[in-house]
Amino acid sequence: MDYDGLRTGDESERTTNVDDYKRTCIDFIEDISHDYEAWVDYYKLPEDEDKKRRDGIHATIKRTNEWIAKVAQSIKAVDVVMNDGIQKMAESTAGKPFPMGVFVNGTSSYTLAKPGIIDINVKANGRENRKTKLGFHFKDDRFRIESTCGAYIDEKNLPTEQFDLMDIHLTLYAEDAKQRDVISFTVTVVEMDGDTEYDRRGLTTIIHLV
């Protein structure tokens, strides 16, 4: 359910008015959410799981559109926030079968940080004695990252082993960031059964630089 076709094309090229573009993207988030809810319908899940996934989609609509309206200061920032929301809706639709969390300054999902070197804490544990390890978001791309400031996650010396209880730290370089910049990134964790991949999930986080 990952969303890799980031929407940064025609609409953003047709307007230079940030407020107009915000309205377009707020409407788009509302519209595309129906597609994700249709997937939840298709899965025919137990009532509690169905509700959990729909609640996640609805919460994402609300928070994403708040960030588009109040945090984003440029066309590019609106795109980053919108694509972050689309990614989060896809993750809610797919569900969260094993415990996983990604934290920036002790907060998850919608976070704040100062420009500079930012610590990312990733925690996860598998079900039924299965282990977890850091995965790849897409083919050769370890992480999905999009920002208004050229931020990147250090990929040198990443932990590649399997963990009984994952509790690792990643380093995000945002030294060129300024206040009001935004960074969205996705960390993927794989649940392993021996040497075989059993399940995988991505978790997307957005940072508002303050």
C-alpha atoms as a PDB file:
ATOM      1  CA  MET A   1       0.000   0.000   0.000  1.00  0.00           C
ATOM      2  CA  ASP A   2       2.969   2.345  -0.243  1.00  0.00           C
ATOM      3  CA  TYR A   3       2.422   5.478  -2.280  1.00  0.00           C
ATOM      4  CA  ASP A   4       5.439   6.130  -4.470  1.00  0.00           C
ATOM      5  CA  GLY A   5       3.898   8.285  -7.227  1.00  0.00           C
ATOM      6  CA  LEU A   6       4.486  11.528  -5.383  1.00  0.00           C
ATOM      7  CA  ARG A   7       2.118  14.194  -6.603  1.00  0.00           C
ATOM      8  CA  THR A   8       4.389  17.114  -7.486  1.00  0.00           C
ATOM      9  CA  GLY A   9       3.457  17.729 -11.104  1.00  0.00           C
ATOM     10  CA  ASP A  10       0.820  19.590 -13.022  1.00  0.00           C
ATOM     11  CA  GLU A  11      -1.062  21.393 -10.271  1.00  0.00           C
ATOM     12  CA  SER A  12       2.050  22.870  -8.682  1.00  0.00           C
ATOM     13  CA  GLU A  13       3.259  24.059 -12.086  1.00  0.00           C
ATOM     14  CA  ARG A  14      -0.045  25.768 -12.896  1.00  0.00           C
ATOM     15  CA  THR A  15      -0.136  28.115  -9.905  1.00  0.00           C
ATOM     16  CA  THR A  16       2.213  30.334  -7.951  1.00  0.00           C
ATOM     17  CA  ASN A  17      -0.403  31.255  -5.347  1.00  0.00           C
ATOM     18  CA  VAL A  18       0.329  29.232  -2.228  1.00  0.00           C
ATOM     19  CA  ASP A  19      -3.128  29.757  -0.697  1.00  0.00           C
ATOM     20  CA  ASP A  20      -4.870  28.545  -3.869  1.00  0.00           C
ATOM     21  CA  TYR A  21      -2.600  25.518  -4.004  1.00  0.00           C
ATOM     22  CA  LYS A  22      -3.289  24.744  -0.342  1.00  0.00           C
ATOM     23  CA  ARG A  23      -7.019  24.622  -1.068  1.00  0.00           C
ATOM     24  CA  THR A  24      -6.455  22.348  -4.083  1.00  0.00           C
ATOM     25  CA  CYS A  25      -4.355  19.945  -2.004  1.00  0.00           C
ATOM     26  CA  ILE A  26      -6.700  19.952   0.986  1.00  0.00           C
ATOM     27  CA  ASP A  27      -9.493  18.933  -1.394  1.00  0.00           C
ATOM     28  CA  PHE A  28      -7.236  16.290  -2.948  1.00  0.00           C
ATOM     29  CA  ILE A  29      -6.485  14.726   0.457  1.00  0.00           C
ATOM     30  CA  GLU A  30     -10.237  14.504   1.139  1.00  0.00           C
ATOM     31  CA  ASP A  31     -10.890  12.995  -2.297  1.00  0.00           C
ATOM     32  CA  ILE A  32      -8.133  10.374  -2.264  1.00  0.00           C
ATOM     33  CA  SER A  33      -9.102   9.229   1.248  1.00  0.00           C
ATOM     34  CA  HIS A  34     -12.210   7.639  -0.287  1.00  0.00           C
ATOM     35  CA  ASP A  35      -9.967   5.356  -2.362  1.00  0.00           C
ATOM     36  CA  TYR A  36      -8.230   4.130   0.777  1.00  0.00           C
ATOM     37  CA  GLU A  37     -11.533   3.586   2.578  1.00  0.00           C
ATOM     38  CA  ALA A  38     -12.682   1.566  -0.430  1.00  0.00           C
ATOM     39  CA  TRP A  39      -9.679  -0.711   0.116  1.00  0.00           C
ATOM     40  CA  VAL A  40     -10.704  -1.161   3.760  1.00  0.00           C
ATOM     41  CA  ASP A  41     -14.200  -2.116   2.520  1.00  0.00           C
ATOM     42  CA  TYR A  42     -12.621  -4.657   0.170  1.00  0.00           C
ATOM     43  CA  TYR A  43     -10.642  -6.341   2.974  1.00  0.00           C
ATOM     44  CA  LYS A  44     -13.843  -7.181   4.948  1.00  0.00           C
ATOM     45  CA  LEU A  45     -12.003  -7.015   8.268  1.00  0.00           C
ATOM     46  CA  PRO A  46     -13.261  -7.782  11.783  1.00  0.00           C
ATOM     47  CA  GLU A  47     -15.130  -4.793  13.206  1.00  0.00           C
ATOM     48  CA  ASP A  48     -12.396  -3.612  15.587  1.00  0.00           C
ATOM     49  CA  GLU A  49      -9.649  -3.781  12.942  1.00  0.00           C
ATOM     50  CA  ASP A  50     -11.896  -2.115  10.361  1.00  0.00           C
ATOM     51  CA  LYS A  51     -12.541   0.747  12.794  1.00  0.00           C
ATOM     52  CA  LYS A  52      -8.849   1.085  13.669  1.00  0.00           C
ATOM     53  CA  ARG A  53      -7.861   1.486  10.019  1.00  0.00           C
ATOM     54  CA  ARG A  54     -10.669   3.951   9.227  1.00  0.00           C
ATOM     55  CA  ASP A  55      -9.841   5.973  12.338  1.00  0.00           C
ATOM     56  CA  GLY A  56      -6.233   6.146  11.161  1.00  0.00           C
ATOM     57  CA  ILE A  57      -7.292   7.431   7.736  1.00  0.00           C
ATOM     58  CA  HIS A  58      -9.636  10.037   9.243  1.00  0.00           C
ATOM     59  CA  ALA A  59      -7.018  11.230  11.741  1.00  0.00           C
ATOM     60  CA  THR A  60      -4.517  11.611   8.906  1.00  0.00           C
ATOM     61  CA  ILE A  61      -6.941  13.714   6.843  1.00  0.00           C
ATOM     62  CA  LYS A  62      -7.430  16.085   9.776  1.00  0.00           C
ATOM     63  CA  ARG A  63      -3.767  16.450  10.760  1.00  0.00           C
ATOM     64  CA  THR A  64      -2.451  16.633   7.197  1.00  0.00           C
ATOM     65  CA  ASN A  65      -4.887  19.366   6.237  1.00  0.00           C
ATOM     66  CA  GLU A  66      -4.050  21.293   9.420  1.00  0.00           C
ATOM     67  CA  TRP A  67      -0.363  21.143   8.484  1.00  0.00           C
ATOM     68  CA  ILE A  68      -1.094  22.173   4.886  1.00  0.00           C
ATOM     69  CA  ALA A  69      -3.095  25.148   6.157  1.00  0.00           C
ATOM     70  CA  LYS A  70      -0.889  26.254   9.063  1.00  0.00           C
ATOM     71  CA  VAL A  71       2.654  24.895   8.646  1.00  0.00           C
ATOM     72  CA  ALA A  72       3.446  24.826   4.922  1.00  0.00           C
ATOM     73  CA  GLN A  73       4.837  28.148   3.659  1.00  0.00           C
ATOM     74  CA  SER A  74       5.571  27.323  -0.003  1.00  0.00           C
ATOM     75  CA  ILE A  75       4.337  25.216  -2.911  1.00  0.00           C
ATOM     76  CA  LYS A  76       7.116  22.698  -2.216  1.00  0.00           C
ATOM     77  CA  ALA A  77       6.200  22.513   1.478  1.00  0.00           C
ATOM     78  CA  VAL A  78       2.554  21.872   0.599  1.00  0.00           C
ATOM     79  CA  ASP A  79       3.679  18.989  -1.640  1.00  0.00           C
ATOM     80  CA  VAL A  80       5.836  17.497   1.138  1.00  0.00           C
ATOM     81  CA  VAL A  81       2.979  17.649   3.665  1.00  0.00           C
ATOM     82  CA  MET A  82       0.420  16.310   1.186  1.00  0.00           C
ATOM     83  CA  ASN A  83       2.596  13.396   0.097  1.00  0.00           C
ATOM     84  CA  ASP A  84       3.307  12.609   3.755  1.00  0.00           C
ATOM     85  CA  GLY A  85      -0.438  12.415   4.372  1.00  0.00           C
ATOM     86  CA  ILE A  86      -1.004  10.147   1.377  1.00  0.00           C
ATOM     87  CA  GLN A  87       1.749   7.846   2.624  1.00  0.00           C
ATOM     88  CA  LYS A  88       0.224   7.780   6.115  1.00  0.00           C
ATOM     89  CA  MET A  89      -3.240   6.960   4.725  1.00  0.00           C
ATOM     90  CA  ALA A  90      -1.736   4.038   2.799  1.00  0.00           C
ATOM     91  CA  GLU A  91      -0.089   2.800   6.011  1.00  0.00           C
ATOM     92  CA  SER A  92      -3.357   3.052   7.959  1.00  0.00           C
ATOM     93  CA  THR A  93      -5.149   1.176   5.182  1.00  0.00           C
ATOM     94  CA  ALA A  94      -2.590  -1.658   5.271  1.00  0.00           C
ATOM     95  CA  GLY A  95      -2.760  -1.899   9.065  1.00  0.00           C
ATOM     96  CA  LYS A  96      -0.012  -2.385  11.627  1.00  0.00           C
ATOM     97  CA  PRO A  97       0.355  -6.118  12.292  1.00  0.00           C
ATOM     98  CA  PHE A  98       3.394  -5.897  14.571  1.00  0.00           C
ATOM     99  CA  PRO A  99       4.433  -3.221  17.088  1.00  0.00           C
ATOM    100  CA  MET A 100       6.574  -0.486  15.544  1.00  0.00           C
ATOM    101  CA  GLY A 101       7.332   3.131  16.397  1.00  0.00           C
ATOM    102  CA  VAL A 102       9.456   5.938  14.950  1.00  0.00           C
ATOM    103  CA  PHE A 103      10.247   8.859  17.252  1.00  0.00           C
ATOM    104  CA  VAL A 104      11.799  12.303  16.899  1.00  0.00           C
ATOM    105  CA  ASN A 105      12.341  14.054  20.238  1.00  0.00           C
ATOM    106  CA  GLY A 106      10.082  11.465  21.862  1.00  0.00           C
ATOM    107  CA  THR A 107       7.158  12.198  19.535  1.00  0.00           C
ATOM    108  CA  SER A 108       5.805  10.134  16.639  1.00  0.00           C
ATOM    109  CA  SER A 109       4.102  10.864  13.308  1.00  0.00           C
ATOM    110  CA  TYR A 110       3.854  14.694  13.484  1.00  0.00           C
ATOM    111  CA  THR A 111       6.990  16.068  15.139  1.00  0.00           C
ATOM    112  CA  LEU A 112       9.121  19.150  15.823  1.00  0.00           C
ATOM    113  CA  ALA A 113      12.894  19.607  15.744  1.00  0.00           C
ATOM    114  CA  LYS A 114      15.535  22.289  15.426  1.00  0.00           C
ATOM    115  CA  PRO A 115      17.655  22.535  12.253  1.00  0.00           C
ATOM    116  CA  GLY A 116      20.849  20.501  12.457  1.00  0.00           C
ATOM    117  CA  ILE A 117      21.557  16.827  13.128  1.00  0.00           C
ATOM    118  CA  ILE A 118      18.356  15.089  14.225  1.00  0.00           C
ATOM    119  CA  ASP A 119      18.138  11.748  16.032  1.00  0.00           C
ATOM    120  CA  ILE A 120      15.523   9.228  14.875  1.00  0.00           C
ATOM    121  CA  ASN A 121      14.673   6.362  17.238  1.00  0.00           C
ATOM    122  CA  VAL A 122      13.122   3.254  15.660  1.00  0.00           C
ATOM    123  CA  LYS A 123      11.553   0.563  17.828  1.00  0.00           C
ATOM    124  CA  ALA A 124       9.885  -2.678  16.768  1.00  0.00           C
ATOM    125  CA  ASN A 125       9.320  -6.243  17.819  1.00  0.00           C
ATOM    126  CA  GLY A 126       8.011  -9.236  15.927  1.00  0.00           C
ATOM    127  CA  ARG A 127       5.134 -11.507  16.833  1.00  0.00           C
ATOM    128  CA  GLU A 128       5.471 -15.079  18.106  1.00  0.00           C
ATOM    129  CA  ASN A 129       9.242 -14.874  18.674  1.00  0.00           C
ATOM    130  CA  ARG A 130       9.927 -13.575  15.174  1.00  0.00           C
ATOM    131  CA  LYS A 131      12.700 -11.001  14.800  1.00  0.00           C
ATOM    132  CA  THR A 132      12.742  -7.666  12.984  1.00  0.00           C
ATOM    133  CA  LYS A 133      15.301  -5.835  10.893  1.00  0.00           C
ATOM    134  CA  LEU A 134      15.606  -2.581   8.984  1.00  0.00           C
ATOM    135  CA  GLY A 135      14.189  -2.942   5.475  1.00  0.00           C
ATOM    136  CA  PHE A 136      14.147  -1.089   2.174  1.00  0.00           C
ATOM    137  CA  HIS A 137      11.301   1.247   1.275  1.00  0.00           C
ATOM    138  CA  PHE A 138      11.503   0.531  -2.439  1.00  0.00           C
ATOM    139  CA  LYS A 139      13.978  -1.661  -4.315  1.00  0.00           C
ATOM    140  CA  ASP A 140      17.365   0.011  -3.718  1.00  0.00           C
ATOM    141  CA  ASP A 141      15.993   2.933  -1.681  1.00  0.00           C
ATOM    142  CA  ARG A 142      16.454   2.315   2.019  1.00  0.00           C
ATOM    143  CA  PHE A 143      14.295   5.280   3.057  1.00  0.00           C
ATOM    144  CA  ARG A 144      11.675   7.505   1.478  1.00  0.00           C
ATOM    145  CA  ILE A 145      12.574  11.131   2.231  1.00  0.00           C
ATOM    146  CA  GLU A 146      11.209  14.389   0.895  1.00  0.00           C
ATOM    147  CA  SER A 147      11.967  17.852   2.233  1.00  0.00           C
ATOM    148  CA  THR A 148      12.160  21.561   1.542  1.00  0.00           C
ATOM    149  CA  CYS A 149      15.801  21.689   2.692  1.00  0.00           C
ATOM    150  CA  GLY A 150      17.775  18.842   1.101  1.00  0.00           C
ATOM    151  CA  ALA A 151      17.771  16.723   4.254  1.00  0.00           C
ATOM    152  CA  TYR A 152      19.077  13.143   4.162  1.00  0.00           C
ATOM    153  CA  ILE A 153      19.412  10.117   6.433  1.00  0.00           C
ATOM    154  CA  ASP A 154      22.916   8.744   6.964  1.00  0.00           C
ATOM    155  CA  GLU A 155      23.098   5.256   5.431  1.00  0.00           C
ATOM    156  CA  LYS A 156      26.637   4.433   6.544  1.00  0.00           C
ATOM    157  CA  ASN A 157      27.024   1.769   9.225  1.00  0.00           C
ATOM    158  CA  LEU A 158      23.306   1.040   9.416  1.00  0.00           C
ATOM    159  CA  PRO A 159      22.396  -1.951  11.599  1.00  0.00           C
ATOM    160  CA  THR A 160      21.617  -4.871   9.279  1.00  0.00           C
ATOM    161  CA  GLU A 161      21.179  -7.637  11.845  1.00  0.00           C
ATOM    162  CA  GLN A 162      17.913  -9.104  13.091  1.00  0.00           C
ATOM    163  CA  PHE A 163      16.688  -7.955  16.499  1.00  0.00           C
ATOM    164  CA  ASP A 164      14.670  -9.683  19.200  1.00  0.00           C
ATOM    165  CA  LEU A 165      13.661  -6.174  20.275  1.00  0.00           C
ATOM    166  CA  MET A 166      14.652  -3.418  17.857  1.00  0.00           C
ATOM    167  CA  ASP A 167      15.682  -0.119  19.453  1.00  0.00           C
ATOM    168  CA  ILE A 168      17.998   1.658  17.026  1.00  0.00           C
ATOM    169  CA  HIS A 169      18.991   5.231  16.206  1.00  0.00           C
ATOM    170  CA  LEU A 170      19.271   6.797  12.756  1.00  0.00           C
ATOM    171  CA  THR A 171      20.840  10.168  11.969  1.00  0.00           C
ATOM    172  CA  LEU A 172      19.006  12.750   9.892  1.00  0.00           C
ATOM    173  CA  TYR A 173      21.138  15.572   8.533  1.00  0.00           C
ATOM    174  CA  ALA A 174      19.181  18.827   8.238  1.00  0.00           C
ATOM    175  CA  GLU A 175      21.970  21.333   8.745  1.00  0.00           C
ATOM    176  CA  ASP A 176      20.803  23.515   5.854  1.00  0.00           C
ATOM    177  CA  ALA A 177      17.256  23.669   7.187  1.00  0.00           C
ATOM    178  CA  LYS A 178      15.619  26.888   8.299  1.00  0.00           C
ATOM    179  CA  GLN A 179      12.646  27.502  10.542  1.00  0.00           C
ATOM    180  CA  ARG A 180       9.353  26.481   8.865  1.00  0.00           C
ATOM    181  CA  ASP A 181      11.044  23.891   6.631  1.00  0.00           C
ATOM    182  CA  VAL A 182       9.419  20.450   6.586  1.00  0.00           C
ATOM    183  CA  ILE A 183      10.881  16.948   6.219  1.00  0.00           C
ATOM    184  CA  SER A 184       8.897  13.754   5.627  1.00  0.00           C
ATOM    185  CA  PHE A 185      10.516  10.329   5.766  1.00  0.00           C
ATOM    186  CA  THR A 186       9.468   6.688   5.855  1.00  0.00           C
ATOM    187  CA  VAL A 187      11.315   3.931   7.716  1.00  0.00           C
ATOM    188  CA  THR A 188      10.546   0.330   6.720  1.00  0.00           C
ATOM    189  CA  VAL A 189      10.850  -2.597   9.133  1.00  0.00           C
ATOM    190  CA  VAL A 190      10.738  -6.252   8.103  1.00  0.00           C
ATOM    191  CA  GLU A 191       9.443  -9.042  10.332  1.00  0.00           C
ATOM    192  CA  MET A 192      11.588 -12.134   9.811  1.00  0.00           C
ATOM    193  CA  ASP A 193      10.842 -15.831  10.302  1.00  0.00           C
ATOM    194  CA  GLY A 194      14.340 -17.259  10.303  1.00  0.00           C
ATOM    195  CA  ASP A 195      15.897 -16.046   7.040  1.00  0.00           C
ATOM    196  CA  THR A 196      12.514 -15.546   5.372  1.00  0.00           C
ATOM    197  CA  GLU A 197      10.645 -12.259   5.227  1.00  0.00           C
ATOM    198  CA  TYR A 198       7.309 -12.782   6.971  1.00  0.00           C
ATOM    199  CA  ASP A 199       5.828  -9.277   6.861  1.00  0.00           C
ATOM    200  CA  ARG A 200       6.901  -5.665   6.387  1.00  0.00           C
ATOM    201  CA  ARG A 201       5.567  -2.228   7.155  1.00  0.00           C
ATOM    202  CA  GLY A 202       6.649   1.356   6.615  1.00  0.00           C
ATOM    203  CA  LEU A 203       6.006   4.154   9.084  1.00  0.00           C
ATOM    204  CA  THR A 204       6.031   7.776   7.931  1.00  0.00           C
ATOM    205  CA  THR A 205       7.027  10.759  10.063  1.00  0.00           C
ATOM    206  CA  ILE A 206       6.944  14.482   9.315  1.00  0.00           C
ATOM    207  CA  ILE A 207       9.119  17.066  11.025  1.00  0.00           C
ATOM    208  CA  HIS A 208       8.388  20.786  11.299  1.00  0.00           C
ATOM    209  CA  LEU A 209      11.640  22.683  11.797  1.00  0.00           C
ATOM    210  CA  VAL A 210      11.286  25.301  14.533  1.00  0.00           C
END
